[in-house]
C-alpha atoms as a PDB file:
ATOM      1  CA  MET A   1     100.110  13.092 -43.340  1.00  0.00           C
ATOM      2  CA  ASP A   2      98.620  10.235 -41.370  1.00  0.00           C
ATOM      3  CA  PRO A   3     101.107   8.430 -38.913  1.00  0.00           C
ATOM      4  CA  PRO A   4     102.185   4.919 -39.635  1.00  0.00           C
ATOM      5  CA  GLN A   5      99.873   2.085 -38.526  1.00  0.00           C
ATOM      6  CA  GLU A   6     101.177   0.233 -35.523  1.00  0.00           C
ATOM      7  CA  TYR A   7      98.975  -2.514 -35.520  1.00  0.00           C
ATOM      8  CA  SER A   8      97.049  -4.233 -38.221  1.00  0.00           C
ATOM      9  CA  THR A   9      95.040  -6.808 -36.034  1.00  0.00           C
ATOM     10  CA  LEU A  10      93.585  -7.143 -32.617  1.00  0.00           C
ATOM     11  CA  LEU A  11      95.867  -9.938 -31.715  1.00  0.00           C
ATOM     12  CA  GLU A  12      98.792  -7.908 -32.617  1.00  0.00           C
ATOM     13  CA  ALA A  13      97.887  -5.162 -30.419  1.00  0.00           C
ATOM     14  CA  VAL A  14      97.176  -7.284 -27.304  1.00  0.00           C
ATOM     15  CA  SER A  15     100.272  -9.139 -27.664  1.00  0.00           C
ATOM     16  CA  LYS A  16     102.190  -6.006 -26.453  1.00  0.00           C
ATOM     17  CA  VAL A  17     100.080  -6.105 -23.257  1.00  0.00           C
ATOM     18  CA  ALA A  18     102.144  -7.197 -20.396  1.00  0.00           C
ATOM     19  CA  TYR A  19     100.797 -10.110 -18.310  1.00  0.00           C
ATOM     20  CA  PRO A  20     100.163  -8.631 -14.921  1.00  0.00           C
ATOM     21  CA  ARG A  21     100.266 -11.844 -12.988  1.00  0.00           C
ATOM     22  CA  LYS A  22     102.737 -14.564 -12.008  1.00  0.00           C
ATOM     23  CA  ALA A  23     102.724 -17.396 -14.427  1.00  0.00           C
ATOM     24  CA  ARG A  24     101.941 -19.958 -11.624  1.00  0.00           C
ATOM     25  CA  GLY A  25      98.335 -21.282 -12.312  1.00  0.00           C
ATOM     26  CA  LYS A  26      98.126 -19.911 -15.728  1.00  0.00           C
ATOM     27  CA  GLN A  27      95.506 -21.587 -17.756  1.00  0.00           C
ATOM     28  CA  HIS A  28      95.255 -19.753 -20.988  1.00  0.00           C
ATOM     29  CA  ASP A  29      97.666 -17.592 -23.124  1.00  0.00           C
ATOM     30  CA  TRP A  30      97.380 -13.958 -22.175  1.00  0.00           C
ATOM     31  CA  LYS A  31      96.643 -12.581 -25.795  1.00  0.00           C
ATOM     32  CA  VAL A  32      94.266 -15.087 -26.428  1.00  0.00           C
ATOM     33  CA  LEU A  33      92.235 -14.272 -23.378  1.00  0.00           C
ATOM     34  CA  LEU A  34      92.448 -10.502 -23.993  1.00  0.00           C
ATOM     35  CA  SER A  35      91.511 -10.908 -27.574  1.00  0.00           C
ATOM     36  CA  ILE A  36      88.459 -12.835 -26.920  1.00  0.00           C
ATOM     37  CA  THR A  37      87.359 -10.523 -24.077  1.00  0.00           C
ATOM     38  CA  CYS A  38      87.757  -7.394 -26.455  1.00  0.00           C
ATOM     39  CA  ALA A  39      85.910  -9.114 -29.196  1.00  0.00           C
ATOM     40  CA  ALA A  40      82.963 -10.108 -26.895  1.00  0.00           C
ATOM     41  CA  ILE A  41      82.838  -6.556 -25.578  1.00  0.00           C
ATOM     42  CA  ALA A  42      82.810  -5.190 -29.118  1.00  0.00           C
ATOM     43  CA  SER A  43      79.798  -7.384 -29.796  1.00  0.00           C
ATOM     44  CA  ASP A  44      77.934  -5.907 -27.054  1.00  0.00           C
ATOM     45  CA  GLN A  45      78.229  -8.543 -24.479  1.00  0.00           C
ATOM     46  CA  LYS A  46      77.923  -6.746 -21.258  1.00  0.00           C
ATOM     47  CA  SER A  47      78.241  -9.424 -18.584  1.00  0.00           C
ATOM     48  CA  VAL A  48      80.763 -12.118 -17.943  1.00  0.00           C
ATOM     49  CA  ARG A  49      77.762 -14.627 -18.454  1.00  0.00           C
ATOM     50  CA  ALA A  50      76.732 -12.966 -21.769  1.00  0.00           C
ATOM     51  CA  MET A  51      80.706 -13.069 -22.898  1.00  0.00           C
ATOM     52  CA  SER A  52      80.921 -16.624 -22.074  1.00  0.00           C
ATOM     53  CA  GLN A  53      77.816 -17.518 -24.000  1.00  0.00           C
ATOM     54  CA  TRP A  54      78.996 -15.602 -26.960  1.00  0.00           C
ATOM     55  CA  VAL A  55      82.561 -17.430 -26.895  1.00  0.00           C
ATOM     56  CA  HIS A  56      80.495 -20.828 -26.894  1.00  0.00           C
ATOM     57  CA  GLU A  57      78.515 -19.560 -29.712  1.00  0.00           C
ATOM     58  CA  HIS A  58      81.335 -18.440 -31.902  1.00  0.00           C
ATOM     59  CA  ALA A  59      84.056 -20.934 -30.692  1.00  0.00           C
ATOM     60  CA  GLU A  60      84.799 -22.202 -34.187  1.00  0.00           C
ATOM     61  CA  GLN A  61      85.306 -18.891 -35.670  1.00  0.00           C
ATOM     62  CA  LEU A  62      87.560 -17.832 -32.817  1.00  0.00           C
ATOM     63  CA  ARG A  63      89.827 -20.709 -33.149  1.00  0.00           C
ATOM     64  CA  GLU A  64      89.994 -20.069 -36.751  1.00  0.00           C
ATOM     65  CA  GLN A  65      90.891 -16.468 -36.172  1.00  0.00           C
ATOM     66  CA  LEU A  66      93.175 -16.823 -33.314  1.00  0.00           C
ATOM     67  CA  GLN A  67      95.188 -19.942 -34.874  1.00  0.00           C
ATOM     68  CA  THR A  68      97.176 -20.545 -31.643  1.00  0.00           C
ATOM     69  CA  CYS A  69      94.118 -21.101 -29.590  1.00  0.00           C
ATOM     70  CA  PRO A  70      93.738 -24.438 -27.529  1.00  0.00           C
ATOM     71  CA  ALA A  71      90.810 -26.887 -27.945  1.00  0.00           C
ATOM     72  CA  ARG A  72      89.341 -25.261 -24.518  1.00  0.00           C
ATOM     73  CA  LEU A  73      88.509 -21.622 -24.846  1.00  0.00           C
ATOM     74  CA  PRO A  74      88.661 -19.471 -21.787  1.00  0.00           C
END
């Protein structure tokens, strides 16, 4: 028997990760930042520059999927 599935989406999974820094200077929602980073890495983006370009190219789809995402993506 398989164990019950705890998460059904990446956003649900990363929402359980504690924010390691103080809230001061916070610019982006932690779960949005983690989700975008994980998605970029899963899409084989190996550098910060490549991740940034990937986010720019997929901004519309990311906003649709994240739903809570602001106009300016990290």
